[in-house]
């Protein structure tokens, strides 16, 4: 499953922190890259349903961390 985090809404540091916290989930992999307007994260898991669930939780967590740190990277 592919997540696209717009740079105007998400902090790259928050995404990295979220990936670090979620990295310990069994049978889950993440591949992060950057595009001009987005941070892109590919989530792989033992099933598509699990990847989707983890991706949604990861996005929520990254948004929460972005808010805690005062917004997107400037």
PDB file of N, CA and C in Angstrom:
ATOM      1  N   UNK A   1       0.850  -1.168   0.000  1.00  0.00           N
ATOM      2  CA  UNK A   1       0.000   0.000   0.000  1.00  0.00           C
ATOM      3  C   UNK A   1       0.896   1.232   0.000  1.00  0.00           C
ATOM      4  N   UNK A   2       0.509   2.217  -0.760  1.00  0.00           N
ATOM      5  CA  UNK A   2       1.289   3.439  -0.886  1.00  0.00           C
ATOM      6  C   UNK A   2       0.617   4.581  -0.149  1.00  0.00           C
ATOM      7  N   UNK A   3       1.396   5.263   0.688  1.00  0.00           N
ATOM      8  CA  UNK A   3       0.942   6.474   1.370  1.00  0.00           C
ATOM      9  C   UNK A   3       1.675   7.661   0.782  1.00  0.00           C
ATOM     10  N   UNK A   4       0.941   8.740   0.552  1.00  0.00           N
ATOM     11  CA  UNK A   4       1.545   9.974   0.051  1.00  0.00           C
ATOM     12  C   UNK A   4       1.225  11.074   1.052  1.00  0.00           C
ATOM     13  N   UNK A   5       2.255  11.590   1.713  1.00  0.00           N
ATOM     14  CA  UNK A   5       2.116  12.628   2.724  1.00  0.00           C
ATOM     15  C   UNK A   5       2.514  13.969   2.102  1.00  0.00           C
ATOM     16  N   UNK A   6       1.570  14.886   1.968  1.00  0.00           N
ATOM     17  CA  UNK A   6       1.880  16.180   1.370  1.00  0.00           C
ATOM     18  C   UNK A   6       2.743  16.993   2.325  1.00  0.00           C
ATOM     19  N   UNK A   7       3.779  17.603   1.772  1.00  0.00           N
ATOM     20  CA  UNK A   7       4.735  18.370   2.584  1.00  0.00           C
ATOM     21  C   UNK A   7       4.104  19.572   3.278  1.00  0.00           C
ATOM     22  N   UNK A   8       2.995  20.084   2.758  1.00  0.00           N
ATOM     23  CA  UNK A   8       2.327  21.221   3.387  1.00  0.00           C
ATOM     24  C   UNK A   8       1.572  20.811   4.646  1.00  0.00           C
ATOM     25  N   UNK A   9       1.344  19.509   4.812  1.00  0.00           N
ATOM     26  CA  UNK A   9       0.572  19.018   5.956  1.00  0.00           C
ATOM     27  C   UNK A   9       1.379  18.190   6.941  1.00  0.00           C
ATOM     28  N   UNK A  10       2.431  17.514   6.480  1.00  0.00           N
ATOM     29  CA  UNK A  10       3.182  16.591   7.318  1.00  0.00           C
ATOM     30  C   UNK A  10       4.643  16.999   7.433  1.00  0.00           C
ATOM     31  N   UNK A  11       5.213  16.750   8.591  1.00  0.00           N
ATOM     32  CA  UNK A  11       6.639  16.971   8.812  1.00  0.00           C
ATOM     33  C   UNK A  11       7.395  15.692   8.490  1.00  0.00           C
ATOM     34  N   UNK A  12       8.443  15.806   7.711  1.00  0.00           N
ATOM     35  CA  UNK A  12       9.265  14.633   7.396  1.00  0.00           C
ATOM     36  C   UNK A  12       9.842  13.998   8.645  1.00  0.00           C
ATOM     37  N   UNK A  13      10.207  14.820   9.626  1.00  0.00           N
ATOM     38  CA  UNK A  13      10.749  14.294  10.878  1.00  0.00           C
ATOM     39  C   UNK A  13       9.694  13.487  11.631  1.00  0.00           C
ATOM     40  N   UNK A  14       8.433  13.906  11.546  1.00  0.00           N
ATOM     41  CA  UNK A  14       7.348  13.168  12.191  1.00  0.00           C
ATOM     42  C   UNK A  14       7.114  11.822  11.490  1.00  0.00           C
ATOM     43  N   UNK A  15       7.206  11.829  10.175  1.00  0.00           N
ATOM     44  CA  UNK A  15       7.055  10.563   9.434  1.00  0.00           C
ATOM     45  C   UNK A  15       8.181   9.610   9.811  1.00  0.00           C
ATOM     46  N   UNK A  16       9.405  10.117   9.868  1.00  0.00           N
ATOM     47  CA  UNK A  16      10.539   9.274  10.258  1.00  0.00           C
ATOM     48  C   UNK A  16      10.350   8.710  11.666  1.00  0.00           C
ATOM     49  N   UNK A  17       9.868   9.539  12.592  1.00  0.00           N
ATOM     50  CA  UNK A  17       9.637   9.080  13.964  1.00  0.00           C
ATOM     51  C   UNK A  17       8.547   8.005  13.998  1.00  0.00           C
ATOM     52  N   UNK A  18       7.485   8.213  13.226  1.00  0.00           N
ATOM     53  CA  UNK A  18       6.403   7.221  13.163  1.00  0.00           C
ATOM     54  C   UNK A  18       6.914   5.903  12.584  1.00  0.00           C
ATOM     55  N   UNK A  19       7.716   5.986  11.526  1.00  0.00           N
ATOM     56  CA  UNK A  19       8.277   4.767  10.940  1.00  0.00           C
ATOM     57  C   UNK A  19       9.146   4.034  11.948  1.00  0.00           C
ATOM     58  N   UNK A  20       9.897   4.772  12.742  1.00  0.00           N
ATOM     59  CA  UNK A  20      10.721   4.156  13.774  1.00  0.00           C
ATOM     60  C   UNK A  20       9.890   3.416  14.809  1.00  0.00           C
ATOM     61  N   UNK A  21       8.762   4.012  15.190  1.00  0.00           N
ATOM     62  CA  UNK A  21       7.893   3.382  16.182  1.00  0.00           C
ATOM     63  C   UNK A  21       7.189   2.153  15.614  1.00  0.00           C
ATOM     64  N   UNK A  22       6.826   2.198  14.339  1.00  0.00           N
ATOM     65  CA  UNK A  22       6.095   1.094  13.725  1.00  0.00           C
ATOM     66  C   UNK A  22       7.020   0.010  13.174  1.00  0.00           C
ATOM     67  N   UNK A  23       8.309   0.258  13.130  1.00  0.00           N
ATOM     68  CA  UNK A  23       9.257  -0.681  12.528  1.00  0.00           C
ATOM     69  C   UNK A  23       9.298  -2.022  13.233  1.00  0.00           C
ATOM     70  N   UNK A  24       8.880  -2.063  14.472  1.00  0.00           N
ATOM     71  CA  UNK A  24       8.954  -3.304  15.233  1.00  0.00           C
ATOM     72  C   UNK A  24       7.774  -4.240  14.984  1.00  0.00           C
ATOM     73  N   UNK A  25       6.828  -3.826  14.160  1.00  0.00           N
ATOM     74  CA  UNK A  25       5.705  -4.700  13.854  1.00  0.00           C
ATOM     75  C   UNK A  25       6.188  -5.890  13.033  1.00  0.00           C
ATOM     76  N   UNK A  26       5.793  -7.061  13.436  1.00  0.00           N
ATOM     77  CA  UNK A  26       6.230  -8.280  12.743  1.00  0.00           C
ATOM     78  C   UNK A  26       5.692  -8.320  11.322  1.00  0.00           C
ATOM     79  N   UNK A  27       6.523  -8.774  10.415  1.00  0.00           N
ATOM     80  CA  UNK A  27       6.144  -8.972   9.012  1.00  0.00           C
ATOM     81  C   UNK A  27       5.674  -7.707   8.313  1.00  0.00           C
ATOM     82  N   UNK A  28       6.235  -6.576   8.700  1.00  0.00           N
ATOM     83  CA  UNK A  28       5.878  -5.316   8.076  1.00  0.00           C
ATOM     84  C   UNK A  28       7.146  -4.646   7.567  1.00  0.00           C
ATOM     85  N   UNK A  29       7.071  -4.093   6.362  1.00  0.00           N
ATOM     86  CA  UNK A  29       8.214  -3.387   5.809  1.00  0.00           C
ATOM     87  C   UNK A  29       7.796  -2.009   5.314  1.00  0.00           C
ATOM     88  N   UNK A  30       8.751  -1.090   5.356  1.00  0.00           N
ATOM     89  CA  UNK A  30       8.498   0.271   4.910  1.00  0.00           C
ATOM     90  C   UNK A  30       9.617   0.707   3.970  1.00  0.00           C
ATOM     91  N   UNK A  31       9.238   1.405   2.926  1.00  0.00           N
ATOM     92  CA  UNK A  31      10.205   2.013   2.016  1.00  0.00           C
ATOM     93  C   UNK A  31       9.788   3.475   1.866  1.00  0.00           C
ATOM     94  N   UNK A  32      10.671   4.383   2.291  1.00  0.00           N
ATOM     95  CA  UNK A  32      10.353   5.815   2.259  1.00  0.00           C
ATOM     96  C   UNK A  32      11.181   6.507   1.189  1.00  0.00           C
ATOM     97  N   UNK A  33      10.511   7.386   0.438  1.00  0.00           N
ATOM     98  CA  UNK A  33      11.229   8.203  -0.538  1.00  0.00           C
ATOM     99  C   UNK A  33      10.605   9.593  -0.541  1.00  0.00           C
ATOM    100  N   UNK A  34      11.281  10.514  -1.172  1.00  0.00           N
ATOM    101  CA  UNK A  34      10.794  11.885  -1.226  1.00  0.00           C
ATOM    102  C   UNK A  34      10.561  12.305  -2.665  1.00  0.00           C
ATOM    103  N   UNK A  35       9.470  13.016  -2.861  1.00  0.00           N
ATOM    104  CA  UNK A  35       9.157  13.649  -4.135  1.00  0.00           C
ATOM    105  C   UNK A  35       9.073  15.152  -3.884  1.00  0.00           C
ATOM    106  N   UNK A  36       8.877  15.914  -4.911  1.00  0.00           N
ATOM    107  CA  UNK A  36       8.858  17.373  -4.783  1.00  0.00           C
ATOM    108  C   UNK A  36       7.820  17.825  -3.748  1.00  0.00           C
ATOM    109  N   UNK A  37       6.602  17.340  -3.847  1.00  0.00           N
ATOM    110  CA  UNK A  37       5.519  17.793  -2.980  1.00  0.00           C
ATOM    111  C   UNK A  37       5.101  16.785  -1.909  1.00  0.00           C
ATOM    112  N   UNK A  38       5.664  15.577  -1.955  1.00  0.00           N
ATOM    113  CA  UNK A  38       5.208  14.531  -1.043  1.00  0.00           C
ATOM    114  C   UNK A  38       6.363  13.712  -0.467  1.00  0.00           C
ATOM    115  N   UNK A  39       6.102  13.173   0.720  1.00  0.00           N
ATOM    116  CA  UNK A  39       6.889  12.064   1.256  1.00  0.00           C
ATOM    117  C   UNK A  39       6.069  10.827   0.900  1.00  0.00           C
ATOM    118  N   UNK A  40       6.700   9.805   0.364  1.00  0.00           N
ATOM    119  CA  UNK A  40       5.985   8.610  -0.065  1.00  0.00           C
ATOM    120  C   UNK A  40       6.500   7.418   0.738  1.00  0.00           C
ATOM    121  N   UNK A  41       5.557   6.651   1.289  1.00  0.00           N
ATOM    122  CA  UNK A  41       5.914   5.466   2.061  1.00  0.00           C
ATOM    123  C   UNK A  41       5.168   4.268   1.491  1.00  0.00           C
ATOM    124  N   UNK A  42       5.924   3.243   1.146  1.00  0.00           N
ATOM    125  CA  UNK A  42       5.345   1.969   0.711  1.00  0.00           C
ATOM    126  C   UNK A  42       5.293   1.057   1.933  1.00  0.00           C
ATOM    127  N   UNK A  43       4.121   0.529   2.217  1.00  0.00           N
ATOM    128  CA  UNK A  43       3.935  -0.363   3.360  1.00  0.00           C
ATOM    129  C   UNK A  43       3.689  -1.770   2.831  1.00  0.00           C
ATOM    130  N   UNK A  44       4.474  -2.725   3.299  1.00  0.00           N
ATOM    131  CA  UNK A  44       4.262  -4.121   2.941  1.00  0.00           C
ATOM    132  C   UNK A  44       4.034  -4.913   4.222  1.00  0.00           C
ATOM    133  N   UNK A  45       3.149  -5.871   4.148  1.00  0.00           N
ATOM    134  CA  UNK A  45       2.827  -6.705   5.308  1.00  0.00           C
ATOM    135  C   UNK A  45       2.426  -8.088   4.810  1.00  0.00           C
ATOM    136  N   UNK A  46       2.086  -8.951   5.747  1.00  0.00           N
ATOM    137  CA  UNK A  46       1.761 -10.341   5.410  1.00  0.00           C
ATOM    138  C   UNK A  46       0.486 -10.452   4.579  1.00  0.00           C
ATOM    139  N   UNK A  47      -0.375  -9.450   4.622  1.00  0.00           N
ATOM    140  CA  UNK A  47      -1.576  -9.434   3.783  1.00  0.00           C
ATOM    141  C   UNK A  47      -1.896  -7.987   3.412  1.00  0.00           C
ATOM    142  N   UNK A  48      -2.674  -7.814   2.374  1.00  0.00           N
ATOM    143  CA  UNK A  48      -3.068  -6.470   1.949  1.00  0.00           C
ATOM    144  C   UNK A  48      -3.917  -5.790   3.020  1.00  0.00           C
ATOM    145  N   UNK A  49      -4.785  -6.560   3.684  1.00  0.00           N
ATOM    146  CA  UNK A  49      -5.619  -5.986   4.742  1.00  0.00           C
ATOM    147  C   UNK A  49      -4.764  -5.477   5.897  1.00  0.00           C
ATOM    148  N   UNK A  50      -3.734  -6.227   6.270  1.00  0.00           N
ATOM    149  CA  UNK A  50      -2.843  -5.801   7.353  1.00  0.00           C
ATOM    150  C   UNK A  50      -2.046  -4.565   6.927  1.00  0.00           C
ATOM    151  N   UNK A  51      -1.563  -4.548   5.686  1.00  0.00           N
ATOM    152  CA  UNK A  51      -0.819  -3.387   5.189  1.00  0.00           C
ATOM    153  C   UNK A  51      -1.695  -2.146   5.222  1.00  0.00           C
ATOM    154  N   UNK A  52      -2.953  -2.281   4.837  1.00  0.00           N
ATOM    155  CA  UNK A  52      -3.879  -1.155   4.831  1.00  0.00           C
ATOM    156  C   UNK A  52      -4.119  -0.644   6.249  1.00  0.00           C
ATOM    157  N   UNK A  53      -4.332  -1.549   7.186  1.00  0.00           N
ATOM    158  CA  UNK A  53      -4.573  -1.155   8.578  1.00  0.00           C
ATOM    159  C   UNK A  53      -3.348  -0.445   9.155  1.00  0.00           C
ATOM    160  N   UNK A  54      -2.176  -0.998   8.937  1.00  0.00           N
ATOM    161  CA  UNK A  54      -0.941  -0.396   9.443  1.00  0.00           C
ATOM    162  C   UNK A  54      -0.701   0.957   8.784  1.00  0.00           C
ATOM    163  N   UNK A  55      -0.956   1.047   7.491  1.00  0.00           N
ATOM    164  CA  UNK A  55      -0.754   2.313   6.770  1.00  0.00           C
ATOM    165  C   UNK A  55      -1.635   3.409   7.351  1.00  0.00           C
ATOM    166  N   UNK A  56      -2.880   3.097   7.623  1.00  0.00           N
ATOM    167  CA  UNK A  56      -3.788   4.105   8.177  1.00  0.00           C
ATOM    168  C   UNK A  56      -3.353   4.530   9.579  1.00  0.00           C
ATOM    169  N   UNK A  57      -2.948   3.584  10.404  1.00  0.00           N
ATOM    170  CA  UNK A  57      -2.471   3.916  11.748  1.00  0.00           C
ATOM    171  C   UNK A  57      -1.185   4.738  11.680  1.00  0.00           C
ATOM    172  N   UNK A  58      -0.306   4.388  10.762  1.00  0.00           N
ATOM    173  CA  UNK A  58       0.947   5.123  10.584  1.00  0.00           C
ATOM    174  C   UNK A  58       0.659   6.575  10.187  1.00  0.00           C
ATOM    175  N   UNK A  59      -0.268   6.776   9.268  1.00  0.00           N
ATOM    176  CA  UNK A  59      -0.620   8.124   8.831  1.00  0.00           C
ATOM    177  C   UNK A  59      -1.197   8.942   9.989  1.00  0.00           C
ATOM    178  N   UNK A  60      -2.066   8.344  10.781  1.00  0.00           N
ATOM    179  CA  UNK A  60      -2.635   9.043  11.932  1.00  0.00           C
ATOM    180  C   UNK A  60      -1.553   9.416  12.932  1.00  0.00           C
ATOM    181  N   UNK A  61      -0.652   8.490  13.192  1.00  0.00           N
ATOM    182  CA  UNK A  61       0.420   8.733  14.160  1.00  0.00           C
ATOM    183  C   UNK A  61       1.344   9.847  13.661  1.00  0.00           C
ATOM    184  N   UNK A  62       1.696   9.812  12.381  1.00  0.00           N
ATOM    185  CA  UNK A  62       2.564  10.840  11.812  1.00  0.00           C
ATOM    186  C   UNK A  62       1.890  12.210  11.862  1.00  0.00           C
ATOM    187  N   UNK A  63       0.595  12.268  11.630  1.00  0.00           N
ATOM    188  CA  UNK A  63      -0.120  13.533  11.708  1.00  0.00           C
ATOM    189  C   UNK A  63      -0.119  14.059  13.145  1.00  0.00           C
ATOM    190  N   UNK A  64      -0.353  13.165  14.109  1.00  0.00           N
ATOM    191  CA  UNK A  64      -0.312  13.566  15.510  1.00  0.00           C
ATOM    192  C   UNK A  64       1.049  14.117  15.904  1.00  0.00           C
ATOM    193  N   UNK A  65       2.111  13.458  15.465  1.00  0.00           N
ATOM    194  CA  UNK A  65       3.457  13.938  15.764  1.00  0.00           C
ATOM    195  C   UNK A  65       3.735  15.278  15.087  1.00  0.00           C
ATOM    196  N   UNK A  66       3.227  15.451  13.879  1.00  0.00           N
ATOM    197  CA  UNK A  66       3.387  16.728  13.182  1.00  0.00           C
ATOM    198  C   UNK A  66       2.724  17.848  13.977  1.00  0.00           C
ATOM    199  N   UNK A  67       1.526  17.595  14.461  1.00  0.00           N
ATOM    200  CA  UNK A  67       0.803  18.601  15.246  1.00  0.00           C
ATOM    201  C   UNK A  67       1.566  18.898  16.536  1.00  0.00           C
ATOM    202  N   UNK A  68       2.048  17.858  17.202  1.00  0.00           N
ATOM    203  CA  UNK A  68       2.800  18.052  18.451  1.00  0.00           C
ATOM    204  C   UNK A  68       4.035  18.921  18.256  1.00  0.00           C
ATOM    205  N   UNK A  69       4.689  18.784  17.110  1.00  0.00           N
ATOM    206  CA  UNK A  69       5.919  19.555  16.901  1.00  0.00           C
ATOM    207  C   UNK A  69       5.653  20.925  16.279  1.00  0.00           C
ATOM    208  N   UNK A  70       4.381  21.271  16.109  1.00  0.00           N
ATOM    209  CA  UNK A  70       4.049  22.617  15.663  1.00  0.00           C
ATOM    210  C   UNK A  70       3.809  22.775  14.180  1.00  0.00           C
ATOM    211  N   UNK A  71       3.675  21.684  13.457  1.00  0.00           N
ATOM    212  CA  UNK A  71       3.351  21.763  12.036  1.00  0.00           C
ATOM    213  C   UNK A  71       4.430  21.154  11.161  1.00  0.00           C
ATOM    214  N   UNK A  72       4.257  21.296   9.850  1.00  0.00           N
ATOM    215  CA  UNK A  72       5.208  20.724   8.886  1.00  0.00           C
ATOM    216  C   UNK A  72       6.580  21.361   9.005  1.00  0.00           C
ATOM    217  N   UNK A  73       7.583  20.674   8.487  1.00  0.00           N
ATOM    218  CA  UNK A  73       8.956  21.197   8.461  1.00  0.00           C
ATOM    219  C   UNK A  73       8.952  22.498   7.668  1.00  0.00           C
ATOM    220  N   UNK A  74       9.712  23.430   8.123  1.00  0.00           N
ATOM    221  CA  UNK A  74       9.784  24.720   7.428  1.00  0.00           C
ATOM    222  C   UNK A  74      11.140  24.885   6.797  1.00  0.00           C
TER     223      UNK A  74
END
